[in-house]
Structures are given as structure tokens and as C-alpha cells.
Amino acid sequence: TILGTSNRGRFSMKQGHGGRRDLPDDLVEGARRGMQSLGFTALVVIAGAASPAAAQKPGDWVVVTAKSGIRMGDAEIGRTERGLILRVLAVDGESIRIFYQNPGWIQRQNVVALDQAVDFFSEVIRRDPQDVEAQLIRAKLRVAQGQFDDALADANRAVSLNVDRSSSYHQRGQIRV
């Protein structure tokens, strides 16, 4: 759930992939009065699951959002790369069991559900438009969803950002085929 305001002072909420809804003015005003009575000038609320993958269960697909160590017991047995699509084998608290070269455990905070991954990497790109890797990851995810024109646009952008990176040309060629 995301709760926020635009520059126009209208508060709204969005949950998952659902539509945005404006919050009733009386609810917003009541919250504002309560904050003022406590001496607060601002309030930040983060609600919902601790990570985008918190609702994951065995069998779900996730996308790695940050390079992550793969652990087995106390030993690190490998590393994942950003953008990998993995299947959840098991869940144990804040860790999920995956198979990438070897079975092991990674932190849930380093993955996002596959159906939320395009939105996640779109936000990464919004924050850092020069992130070539995020452009290529989003292109790959869009191909998987059949969004070939958008995927090609992402790959073209990646090429324009770094003309010396061969993987950008390779991925763009794969999308064109």
C-alpha cells in the first residue's frame, strides 16, 4: 500500500496494482489535527509488507533486485546478479530458498515478485536514468510479458547510454528476432 500526496495537496492511496483512490477530506483533516495536537509537522507512514517479496510462497517467481549472496548455513556458496528470474522453493522468515547454479538461501529484501518487477525497475530508472543495467533488465522483463515495442525502446535506450557495452547490442538483437 502506498499513501501519499501530490503537489496539489490531494492525498491518495494505491494498493498493489489497483487503481489510485483519493482519501476522504475528513479523514485527512482528522489526521492533520491529530498531528498538530501532538506537535508534529510531518508524518511519514510506511505500511504493508517489509519487502516486495514478503508475500512470496513456494512456487512463486521473483526477480533479483540487488546482487545477493547465496548462503547455505553460514557459508556463502555463490552470488546472484540483478535481474535474475528465480523460483521460490521455500520460505524461512526473511530468507527464501532458490536454485541458481546450486540450491541456497537469499534475503527476501533483495527480490521482488515477478509481476511487480517492471514497475520496480521503472522506478529504479526514474531515479537513475543512466542505469544501463536496469534498462536491460526491464527490457528482458517486457519481452517475457510480450511487450516487444517497449522492450525494444528500453534496449535502444541502453545502447544510447553506453555504446561500448556489447550486451546492450546483443539484447537488442534478440528482441528484434
N, C-alpha and C. Protein backbone atom coordinates (compact mmCIF):
# COMPACT_ATOMS: atom_id res chain seq x y z
N THR A 1 0.85 -1.19 0.00
CA THR A 1 0.00 0.00 0.00
C THR A 1 0.88 1.24 0.00
N ILE A 2 0.55 2.17 -0.87
CA ILE A 2 1.28 3.43 -0.94
C ILE A 2 0.30 4.54 -0.59
N LEU A 3 0.68 5.38 0.34
CA LEU A 3 -0.13 6.51 0.74
C LEU A 3 0.68 7.76 0.50
N GLY A 4 0.12 8.71 -0.20
CA GLY A 4 0.91 9.89 -0.49
C GLY A 4 0.06 11.06 -0.94
N THR A 5 0.74 12.13 -1.32
CA THR A 5 0.07 13.33 -1.76
C THR A 5 0.77 13.85 -3.01
N SER A 6 0.02 14.51 -3.81
CA SER A 6 0.62 15.19 -4.96
C SER A 6 0.95 16.61 -4.52
N ASN A 7 1.56 17.37 -5.38
CA ASN A 7 1.85 18.76 -5.05
C ASN A 7 0.59 19.59 -4.91
N ARG A 8 -0.54 19.05 -5.34
CA ARG A 8 -1.81 19.78 -5.23
C ARG A 8 -2.49 19.56 -3.88
N GLY A 9 -1.84 18.79 -2.98
CA GLY A 9 -2.39 18.63 -1.64
C GLY A 9 -3.49 17.59 -1.53
N ARG A 10 -3.74 16.82 -2.56
CA ARG A 10 -4.74 15.75 -2.51
C ARG A 10 -4.04 14.47 -2.05
N PHE A 11 -4.54 13.88 -1.00
CA PHE A 11 -3.95 12.64 -0.51
C PHE A 11 -4.65 11.47 -1.19
N SER A 12 -3.86 10.47 -1.54
CA SER A 12 -4.44 9.31 -2.19
C SER A 12 -3.69 8.06 -1.74
N MET A 13 -4.26 6.91 -2.10
CA MET A 13 -3.62 5.65 -1.78
C MET A 13 -3.69 4.73 -2.98
N LYS A 14 -2.73 3.82 -3.04
CA LYS A 14 -2.70 2.80 -4.08
C LYS A 14 -2.25 1.52 -3.42
N GLN A 15 -2.94 0.44 -3.71
CA GLN A 15 -2.57 -0.84 -3.14
C GLN A 15 -2.30 -1.81 -4.28
N GLY A 16 -1.10 -2.40 -4.30
CA GLY A 16 -0.73 -3.34 -5.34
C GLY A 16 -0.83 -2.70 -6.71
N HIS A 17 -1.44 -3.41 -7.64
CA HIS A 17 -1.60 -2.89 -8.99
C HIS A 17 -2.98 -2.26 -9.18
N GLY A 18 -3.71 -2.08 -8.09
CA GLY A 18 -5.04 -1.49 -8.17
C GLY A 18 -4.98 -0.02 -8.50
N GLY A 19 -6.13 0.54 -8.75
CA GLY A 19 -6.20 1.95 -9.08
C GLY A 19 -5.99 2.84 -7.87
N ARG A 20 -5.71 4.10 -8.13
CA ARG A 20 -5.50 5.09 -7.09
C ARG A 20 -6.86 5.57 -6.60
N ARG A 21 -6.96 5.77 -5.29
CA ARG A 21 -8.18 6.32 -4.70
C ARG A 21 -7.83 7.50 -3.85
N ASP A 22 -8.58 8.60 -3.98
CA ASP A 22 -8.40 9.75 -3.10
C ASP A 22 -8.95 9.40 -1.73
N LEU A 23 -8.25 9.85 -0.70
CA LEU A 23 -8.74 9.65 0.66
C LEU A 23 -9.76 10.74 0.98
N PRO A 24 -10.77 10.41 1.75
CA PRO A 24 -11.78 11.41 2.11
C PRO A 24 -11.16 12.59 2.85
N ASP A 25 -11.62 13.80 2.54
CA ASP A 25 -11.07 15.01 3.16
C ASP A 25 -11.19 14.99 4.68
N ASP A 26 -12.31 14.46 5.21
CA ASP A 26 -12.48 14.44 6.67
C ASP A 26 -11.45 13.53 7.34
N LEU A 27 -11.06 12.44 6.68
CA LEU A 27 -10.03 11.57 7.23
C LEU A 27 -8.68 12.27 7.24
N VAL A 28 -8.35 12.95 6.16
CA VAL A 28 -7.09 13.68 6.07
C VAL A 28 -7.06 14.81 7.10
N GLU A 29 -8.15 15.54 7.21
CA GLU A 29 -8.22 16.66 8.15
C GLU A 29 -8.10 16.16 9.60
N GLY A 30 -8.74 15.04 9.90
CA GLY A 30 -8.64 14.46 11.24
C GLY A 30 -7.20 14.07 11.57
N ALA A 31 -6.53 13.48 10.61
CA ALA A 31 -5.13 13.10 10.82
C ALA A 31 -4.27 14.35 11.00
N ARG A 32 -4.53 15.38 10.22
CA ARG A 32 -3.76 16.64 10.33
C ARG A 32 -3.95 17.27 11.72
N ARG A 33 -5.19 17.32 12.20
CA ARG A 33 -5.46 17.89 13.53
C ARG A 33 -4.77 17.07 14.62
N GLY A 34 -4.83 15.74 14.48
CA GLY A 34 -4.18 14.88 15.47
C GLY A 34 -2.67 15.10 15.51
N MET A 35 -2.07 15.25 14.34
CA MET A 35 -0.62 15.50 14.28
C MET A 35 -0.28 16.84 14.92
N GLN A 36 -1.08 17.88 14.62
CA GLN A 36 -0.82 19.20 15.18
C GLN A 36 -0.94 19.18 16.70
N SER A 37 -1.92 18.44 17.22
CA SER A 37 -2.09 18.39 18.68
C SER A 37 -0.91 17.71 19.36
N LEU A 38 -0.20 16.87 18.63
CA LEU A 38 0.98 16.20 19.17
C LEU A 38 2.27 16.97 18.90
N GLY A 39 2.16 18.07 18.16
CA GLY A 39 3.32 18.89 17.86
C GLY A 39 4.11 18.41 16.63
N PHE A 40 3.53 17.51 15.82
CA PHE A 40 4.20 17.03 14.62
C PHE A 40 3.96 17.99 13.47
N THR A 41 4.97 18.19 12.67
CA THR A 41 4.79 18.99 11.45
C THR A 41 4.77 18.12 10.21
N ALA A 42 5.18 16.87 10.34
CA ALA A 42 5.17 15.95 9.20
C ALA A 42 5.00 14.54 9.73
N LEU A 43 4.46 13.69 8.91
CA LEU A 43 4.26 12.29 9.27
C LEU A 43 4.57 11.45 8.05
N VAL A 44 5.41 10.46 8.23
CA VAL A 44 5.72 9.51 7.16
C VAL A 44 5.21 8.16 7.63
N VAL A 45 4.40 7.52 6.79
CA VAL A 45 3.86 6.21 7.12
C VAL A 45 4.28 5.24 6.03
N ILE A 46 4.89 4.17 6.44
CA ILE A 46 5.21 3.09 5.51
C ILE A 46 4.45 1.89 6.03
N ALA A 47 3.52 1.42 5.24
CA ALA A 47 2.68 0.31 5.68
C ALA A 47 2.84 -0.85 4.72
N GLY A 48 2.39 -1.99 5.16
CA GLY A 48 2.42 -3.15 4.29
C GLY A 48 3.57 -4.07 4.66
N ALA A 49 3.90 -4.92 3.73
CA ALA A 49 4.93 -5.93 3.96
C ALA A 49 6.30 -5.27 4.06
N ALA A 50 7.21 -5.94 4.73
CA ALA A 50 8.55 -5.40 4.91
C ALA A 50 9.34 -5.34 3.62
N SER A 51 9.02 -6.19 2.68
CA SER A 51 9.70 -6.15 1.39
C SER A 51 8.70 -6.53 0.31
N PRO A 52 8.99 -6.17 -0.95
CA PRO A 52 8.05 -6.52 -2.01
C PRO A 52 7.84 -8.02 -2.14
N ALA A 53 8.74 -8.82 -1.63
CA ALA A 53 8.59 -10.27 -1.75
C ALA A 53 8.01 -10.90 -0.49
N ALA A 54 7.58 -10.10 0.47
CA ALA A 54 7.15 -10.64 1.76
C ALA A 54 6.00 -11.62 1.64
N ALA A 55 5.18 -11.51 0.62
CA ALA A 55 4.04 -12.40 0.47
C ALA A 55 4.40 -13.63 -0.35
N GLN A 56 5.67 -13.81 -0.69
CA GLN A 56 6.06 -14.93 -1.54
C GLN A 56 5.87 -16.25 -0.84
N LYS A 57 5.58 -17.25 -1.66
CA LYS A 57 5.42 -18.60 -1.16
C LYS A 57 6.08 -19.56 -2.15
N PRO A 58 6.36 -20.78 -1.75
CA PRO A 58 6.98 -21.73 -2.67
C PRO A 58 6.20 -21.83 -3.98
N GLY A 59 6.96 -21.85 -5.06
CA GLY A 59 6.36 -21.92 -6.39
C GLY A 59 6.27 -20.58 -7.09
N ASP A 60 6.33 -19.48 -6.33
CA ASP A 60 6.26 -18.14 -6.93
C ASP A 60 7.57 -17.81 -7.64
N TRP A 61 7.48 -16.93 -8.62
CA TRP A 61 8.65 -16.43 -9.34
C TRP A 61 9.01 -15.05 -8.82
N VAL A 62 10.31 -14.79 -8.65
CA VAL A 62 10.80 -13.50 -8.18
C VAL A 62 11.94 -13.04 -9.07
N VAL A 63 12.22 -11.73 -9.01
CA VAL A 63 13.32 -11.14 -9.76
C VAL A 63 14.29 -10.52 -8.76
N VAL A 64 15.56 -10.81 -8.93
CA VAL A 64 16.59 -10.28 -8.04
C VAL A 64 16.76 -8.79 -8.33
N THR A 65 16.69 -7.96 -7.29
CA THR A 65 16.79 -6.51 -7.43
C THR A 65 18.16 -5.97 -7.04
N ALA A 66 18.94 -6.76 -6.34
CA ALA A 66 20.28 -6.34 -5.91
C ALA A 66 21.16 -7.59 -5.84
N LYS A 67 22.42 -7.42 -6.23
CA LYS A 67 23.34 -8.55 -6.13
C LYS A 67 23.27 -9.09 -4.71
N SER A 68 23.24 -10.40 -4.62
CA SER A 68 22.96 -11.00 -3.33
C SER A 68 23.77 -12.28 -3.16
N GLY A 69 24.26 -12.48 -1.94
CA GLY A 69 24.95 -13.73 -1.64
C GLY A 69 23.96 -14.86 -1.49
N ILE A 70 24.33 -16.02 -2.00
CA ILE A 70 23.54 -17.24 -1.81
C ILE A 70 24.22 -18.00 -0.68
N ARG A 71 23.45 -18.33 0.36
CA ARG A 71 24.04 -18.95 1.54
C ARG A 71 23.49 -20.36 1.73
N MET A 72 24.34 -21.17 2.30
CA MET A 72 23.95 -22.49 2.77
C MET A 72 24.56 -22.61 4.15
N GLY A 73 23.74 -22.54 5.17
CA GLY A 73 24.26 -22.47 6.54
C GLY A 73 24.99 -21.15 6.72
N ASP A 74 26.20 -21.20 7.23
CA ASP A 74 26.99 -19.99 7.45
C ASP A 74 27.87 -19.64 6.26
N ALA A 75 27.89 -20.48 5.25
CA ALA A 75 28.80 -20.28 4.12
C ALA A 75 28.09 -19.63 2.93
N GLU A 76 28.80 -18.68 2.31
CA GLU A 76 28.30 -18.11 1.06
C GLU A 76 28.78 -19.02 -0.06
N ILE A 77 27.85 -19.58 -0.82
CA ILE A 77 28.20 -20.56 -1.85
C ILE A 77 28.09 -20.00 -3.27
N GLY A 78 27.64 -18.75 -3.38
CA GLY A 78 27.52 -18.14 -4.70
C GLY A 78 26.93 -16.76 -4.58
N ARG A 79 26.72 -16.14 -5.74
CA ARG A 79 26.13 -14.80 -5.78
C ARG A 79 25.13 -14.73 -6.92
N THR A 80 24.06 -13.99 -6.70
CA THR A 80 23.10 -13.75 -7.77
C THR A 80 23.43 -12.42 -8.43
N GLU A 81 22.92 -12.24 -9.62
CA GLU A 81 23.04 -10.98 -10.34
C GLU A 81 21.69 -10.31 -10.37
N ARG A 82 21.68 -9.02 -10.42
CA ARG A 82 20.46 -8.24 -10.54
C ARG A 82 19.75 -8.64 -11.84
N GLY A 83 18.44 -8.85 -11.75
CA GLY A 83 17.65 -9.17 -12.94
C GLY A 83 17.39 -10.65 -13.14
N LEU A 84 18.00 -11.51 -12.35
CA LEU A 84 17.74 -12.95 -12.48
C LEU A 84 16.30 -13.24 -12.11
N ILE A 85 15.68 -14.13 -12.84
CA ILE A 85 14.33 -14.58 -12.52
C ILE A 85 14.48 -15.96 -11.89
N LEU A 86 14.00 -16.09 -10.66
CA LEU A 86 14.18 -17.32 -9.89
C LEU A 86 12.85 -17.81 -9.34
N ARG A 87 12.76 -19.09 -9.09
CA ARG A 87 11.57 -19.68 -8.48
C ARG A 87 11.82 -19.88 -7.00
N VAL A 88 10.84 -19.51 -6.19
CA VAL A 88 10.92 -19.70 -4.74
C VAL A 88 10.66 -21.18 -4.43
N LEU A 89 11.62 -21.81 -3.74
CA LEU A 89 11.46 -23.21 -3.36
C LEU A 89 10.91 -23.36 -1.95
N ALA A 90 11.31 -22.44 -1.08
CA ALA A 90 10.86 -22.48 0.32
C ALA A 90 11.04 -21.09 0.91
N VAL A 91 10.36 -20.85 2.01
CA VAL A 91 10.43 -19.57 2.70
C VAL A 91 10.73 -19.86 4.17
N ASP A 92 11.67 -19.08 4.73
CA ASP A 92 12.00 -19.19 6.15
C ASP A 92 12.28 -17.80 6.67
N GLY A 93 11.27 -17.17 7.27
CA GLY A 93 11.44 -15.81 7.79
C GLY A 93 11.77 -14.85 6.68
N GLU A 94 12.92 -14.19 6.79
CA GLU A 94 13.33 -13.20 5.80
C GLU A 94 14.20 -13.79 4.69
N SER A 95 14.26 -15.10 4.60
CA SER A 95 15.05 -15.75 3.57
C SER A 95 14.16 -16.60 2.69
N ILE A 96 14.56 -16.70 1.42
CA ILE A 96 13.87 -17.61 0.51
C ILE A 96 14.90 -18.57 -0.08
N ARG A 97 14.47 -19.80 -0.25
CA ARG A 97 15.33 -20.82 -0.86
C ARG A 97 15.10 -20.78 -2.36
N ILE A 98 16.20 -20.75 -3.09
CA ILE A 98 16.14 -20.68 -4.55
C ILE A 98 17.14 -21.69 -5.11
N PHE A 99 17.11 -21.87 -6.42
CA PHE A 99 18.13 -22.67 -7.08
C PHE A 99 18.72 -21.82 -8.19
N TYR A 100 20.00 -21.50 -8.04
CA TYR A 100 20.76 -20.80 -9.08
C TYR A 100 22.16 -21.37 -9.04
N GLN A 101 22.46 -22.23 -9.96
CA GLN A 101 23.71 -22.99 -10.01
C GLN A 101 23.75 -24.03 -8.90
N ASN A 102 23.34 -23.67 -7.71
CA ASN A 102 23.22 -24.57 -6.56
C ASN A 102 22.03 -24.10 -5.74
N PRO A 103 21.42 -25.01 -4.97
CA PRO A 103 20.34 -24.54 -4.08
C PRO A 103 20.95 -23.74 -2.94
N GLY A 104 20.23 -22.74 -2.50
CA GLY A 104 20.70 -21.93 -1.38
C GLY A 104 19.65 -20.92 -0.97
N TRP A 105 20.00 -20.06 -0.05
CA TRP A 105 19.08 -19.09 0.54
C TRP A 105 19.55 -17.67 0.22
N ILE A 106 18.61 -16.81 -0.15
CA ILE A 106 18.90 -15.38 -0.32
C ILE A 106 17.90 -14.59 0.50
N GLN A 107 18.24 -13.34 0.77
CA GLN A 107 17.38 -12.47 1.57
C GLN A 107 16.19 -12.00 0.74
N ARG A 108 15.00 -12.05 1.33
CA ARG A 108 13.78 -11.62 0.65
C ARG A 108 13.86 -10.15 0.24
N GLN A 109 14.60 -9.33 0.97
CA GLN A 109 14.68 -7.90 0.67
C GLN A 109 15.36 -7.65 -0.67
N ASN A 110 16.03 -8.65 -1.23
CA ASN A 110 16.76 -8.49 -2.48
C ASN A 110 16.01 -9.02 -3.70
N VAL A 111 14.71 -9.29 -3.55
CA VAL A 111 13.90 -9.74 -4.67
C VAL A 111 12.56 -9.02 -4.68
N VAL A 112 11.91 -9.06 -5.83
CA VAL A 112 10.57 -8.53 -5.98
C VAL A 112 9.76 -9.56 -6.76
N ALA A 113 8.47 -9.63 -6.51
CA ALA A 113 7.61 -10.56 -7.24
C ALA A 113 7.70 -10.27 -8.74
N LEU A 114 7.68 -11.31 -9.55
CA LEU A 114 7.81 -11.16 -10.99
C LEU A 114 6.78 -10.19 -11.55
N ASP A 115 5.54 -10.26 -11.06
CA ASP A 115 4.50 -9.38 -11.60
C ASP A 115 4.66 -7.91 -11.18
N GLN A 116 5.59 -7.63 -10.27
CA GLN A 116 5.86 -6.25 -9.84
C GLN A 116 7.21 -5.73 -10.34
N ALA A 117 7.93 -6.58 -11.07
CA ALA A 117 9.32 -6.26 -11.42
C ALA A 117 9.44 -5.12 -12.43
N VAL A 118 8.55 -5.05 -13.43
CA VAL A 118 8.63 -3.94 -14.40
C VAL A 118 8.43 -2.62 -13.68
N ASP A 119 7.45 -2.56 -12.79
CA ASP A 119 7.22 -1.33 -12.03
C ASP A 119 8.43 -1.00 -11.15
N PHE A 120 9.01 -2.02 -10.51
CA PHE A 120 10.17 -1.80 -9.66
C PHE A 120 11.32 -1.19 -10.47
N PHE A 121 11.66 -1.80 -11.61
CA PHE A 121 12.80 -1.31 -12.39
C PHE A 121 12.46 0.01 -13.09
N SER A 122 11.19 0.27 -13.35
CA SER A 122 10.81 1.59 -13.88
C SER A 122 11.13 2.67 -12.86
N GLU A 123 10.89 2.38 -11.59
CA GLU A 123 11.22 3.34 -10.53
C GLU A 123 12.73 3.50 -10.40
N VAL A 124 13.48 2.41 -10.52
CA VAL A 124 14.94 2.48 -10.49
C VAL A 124 15.42 3.41 -11.61
N ILE A 125 14.86 3.25 -12.79
CA ILE A 125 15.25 4.06 -13.95
C ILE A 125 14.83 5.51 -13.75
N ARG A 126 13.67 5.72 -13.16
CA ARG A 126 13.23 7.10 -12.89
C ARG A 126 14.23 7.80 -11.98
N ARG A 127 14.72 7.08 -10.96
CA ARG A 127 15.68 7.66 -10.02
C ARG A 127 17.06 7.82 -10.62
N ASP A 128 17.44 6.90 -11.52
CA ASP A 128 18.76 6.95 -12.15
C ASP A 128 18.63 6.61 -13.62
N PRO A 129 18.31 7.61 -14.46
CA PRO A 129 18.10 7.37 -15.89
C PRO A 129 19.34 6.84 -16.61
N GLN A 130 20.50 6.89 -15.99
CA GLN A 130 21.74 6.41 -16.62
C GLN A 130 22.03 4.94 -16.30
N ASP A 131 21.15 4.27 -15.58
CA ASP A 131 21.36 2.88 -15.17
C ASP A 131 21.09 1.95 -16.35
N VAL A 132 22.14 1.64 -17.10
CA VAL A 132 22.03 0.80 -18.29
C VAL A 132 21.53 -0.59 -17.92
N GLU A 133 22.05 -1.14 -16.84
CA GLU A 133 21.66 -2.49 -16.43
C GLU A 133 20.16 -2.56 -16.14
N ALA A 134 19.61 -1.55 -15.47
CA ALA A 134 18.17 -1.54 -15.18
C ALA A 134 17.36 -1.46 -16.47
N GLN A 135 17.85 -0.70 -17.46
CA GLN A 135 17.17 -0.63 -18.76
C GLN A 135 17.12 -2.02 -19.40
N LEU A 136 18.25 -2.73 -19.36
CA LEU A 136 18.30 -4.06 -19.98
C LEU A 136 17.45 -5.08 -19.22
N ILE A 137 17.43 -4.96 -17.91
CA ILE A 137 16.59 -5.86 -17.11
C ILE A 137 15.12 -5.62 -17.43
N ARG A 138 14.72 -4.35 -17.47
CA ARG A 138 13.32 -4.05 -17.79
C ARG A 138 12.98 -4.53 -19.19
N ALA A 139 13.91 -4.39 -20.14
CA ALA A 139 13.67 -4.90 -21.49
C ALA A 139 13.42 -6.41 -21.46
N LYS A 140 14.25 -7.13 -20.72
CA LYS A 140 14.08 -8.60 -20.61
C LYS A 140 12.72 -8.95 -20.02
N LEU A 141 12.33 -8.23 -18.99
CA LEU A 141 11.04 -8.50 -18.34
C LEU A 141 9.88 -8.19 -19.29
N ARG A 142 10.02 -7.13 -20.06
CA ARG A 142 8.96 -6.78 -21.01
C ARG A 142 8.84 -7.80 -22.13
N VAL A 143 9.96 -8.36 -22.57
CA VAL A 143 9.91 -9.44 -23.56
C VAL A 143 9.11 -10.61 -22.99
N ALA A 144 9.40 -10.95 -21.73
CA ALA A 144 8.69 -12.06 -21.08
C ALA A 144 7.19 -11.81 -21.01
N GLN A 145 6.79 -10.54 -20.99
CA GLN A 145 5.37 -10.18 -20.94
C GLN A 145 4.78 -9.93 -22.32
N GLY A 146 5.60 -10.10 -23.36
CA GLY A 146 5.12 -9.88 -24.72
C GLY A 146 5.04 -8.43 -25.13
N GLN A 147 5.67 -7.53 -24.38
CA GLN A 147 5.66 -6.10 -24.68
C GLN A 147 6.91 -5.76 -25.50
N PHE A 148 6.94 -6.23 -26.75
CA PHE A 148 8.15 -6.16 -27.57
C PHE A 148 8.53 -4.73 -27.95
N ASP A 149 7.57 -3.88 -28.27
CA ASP A 149 7.90 -2.49 -28.62
C ASP A 149 8.54 -1.76 -27.45
N ASP A 150 7.97 -1.93 -26.26
CA ASP A 150 8.54 -1.30 -25.07
C ASP A 150 9.91 -1.88 -24.74
N ALA A 151 10.06 -3.19 -24.93
CA ALA A 151 11.35 -3.84 -24.68
C ALA A 151 12.41 -3.29 -25.63
N LEU A 152 12.04 -3.13 -26.89
CA LEU A 152 12.99 -2.60 -27.87
C LEU A 152 13.37 -1.16 -27.52
N ALA A 153 12.40 -0.37 -27.06
CA ALA A 153 12.70 1.01 -26.65
C ALA A 153 13.69 1.02 -25.49
N ASP A 154 13.52 0.10 -24.53
CA ASP A 154 14.47 0.01 -23.40
C ASP A 154 15.86 -0.38 -23.90
N ALA A 155 15.93 -1.36 -24.80
CA ALA A 155 17.23 -1.80 -25.32
C ALA A 155 17.89 -0.68 -26.12
N ASN A 156 17.11 0.05 -26.91
CA ASN A 156 17.67 1.18 -27.66
C ASN A 156 18.23 2.23 -26.71
N ARG A 157 17.52 2.49 -25.63
CA ARG A 157 17.98 3.46 -24.63
C ARG A 157 19.29 2.98 -24.00
N ALA A 158 19.37 1.68 -23.69
CA ALA A 158 20.59 1.13 -23.10
C ALA A 158 21.77 1.30 -24.06
N VAL A 159 21.55 1.06 -25.35
CA VAL A 159 22.62 1.25 -26.35
C VAL A 159 23.05 2.70 -26.38
N SER A 160 22.08 3.61 -26.36
CA SER A 160 22.43 5.04 -26.43
C SER A 160 23.17 5.52 -25.18
N LEU A 161 22.92 4.88 -24.05
CA LEU A 161 23.60 5.27 -22.81
C LEU A 161 25.04 4.80 -22.76
N ASN A 162 25.32 3.66 -23.39
CA ASN A 162 26.67 3.11 -23.35
C ASN A 162 26.92 2.34 -24.65
N VAL A 163 27.43 3.04 -25.65
CA VAL A 163 27.64 2.44 -26.97
C VAL A 163 28.73 1.37 -26.95
N ASP A 164 29.54 1.30 -25.91
CA ASP A 164 30.61 0.32 -25.83
C ASP A 164 30.20 -0.99 -25.14
N ARG A 165 28.97 -1.06 -24.66
CA ARG A 165 28.53 -2.26 -23.92
C ARG A 165 27.90 -3.25 -24.90
N SER A 166 28.60 -4.33 -25.18
CA SER A 166 28.14 -5.29 -26.18
C SER A 166 26.84 -5.98 -25.78
N SER A 167 26.60 -6.17 -24.48
CA SER A 167 25.38 -6.85 -24.06
C SER A 167 24.13 -6.07 -24.44
N SER A 168 24.24 -4.74 -24.54
CA SER A 168 23.09 -3.93 -24.96
C SER A 168 22.73 -4.25 -26.41
N TYR A 169 23.74 -4.34 -27.27
CA TYR A 169 23.50 -4.67 -28.67
C TYR A 169 22.97 -6.10 -28.80
N HIS A 170 23.54 -7.00 -28.02
CA HIS A 170 23.12 -8.40 -28.06
C HIS A 170 21.64 -8.52 -27.69
N GLN A 171 21.26 -7.87 -26.59
CA GLN A 171 19.87 -7.98 -26.14
C GLN A 171 18.93 -7.31 -27.15
N ARG A 172 19.34 -6.18 -27.70
CA ARG A 172 18.51 -5.51 -28.70
C ARG A 172 18.32 -6.42 -29.92
N GLY A 173 19.37 -7.10 -30.32
CA GLY A 173 19.26 -8.04 -31.45
C GLY A 173 18.31 -9.19 -31.15
N GLN A 174 18.37 -9.71 -29.93
CA GLN A 174 17.47 -10.80 -29.55
C GLN A 174 16.01 -10.35 -29.58
N ILE A 175 15.74 -9.12 -29.18
CA ILE A 175 14.37 -8.62 -29.18
C ILE A 175 13.86 -8.47 -30.62
N ARG A 176 14.72 -8.02 -31.50
CA ARG A 176 14.32 -7.82 -32.90
C ARG A 176 14.00 -9.15 -33.59
N VAL A 177 14.64 -10.23 -33.15
CA VAL A 177 14.38 -11.54 -33.75
C VAL A 177 13.08 -12.03 -33.25
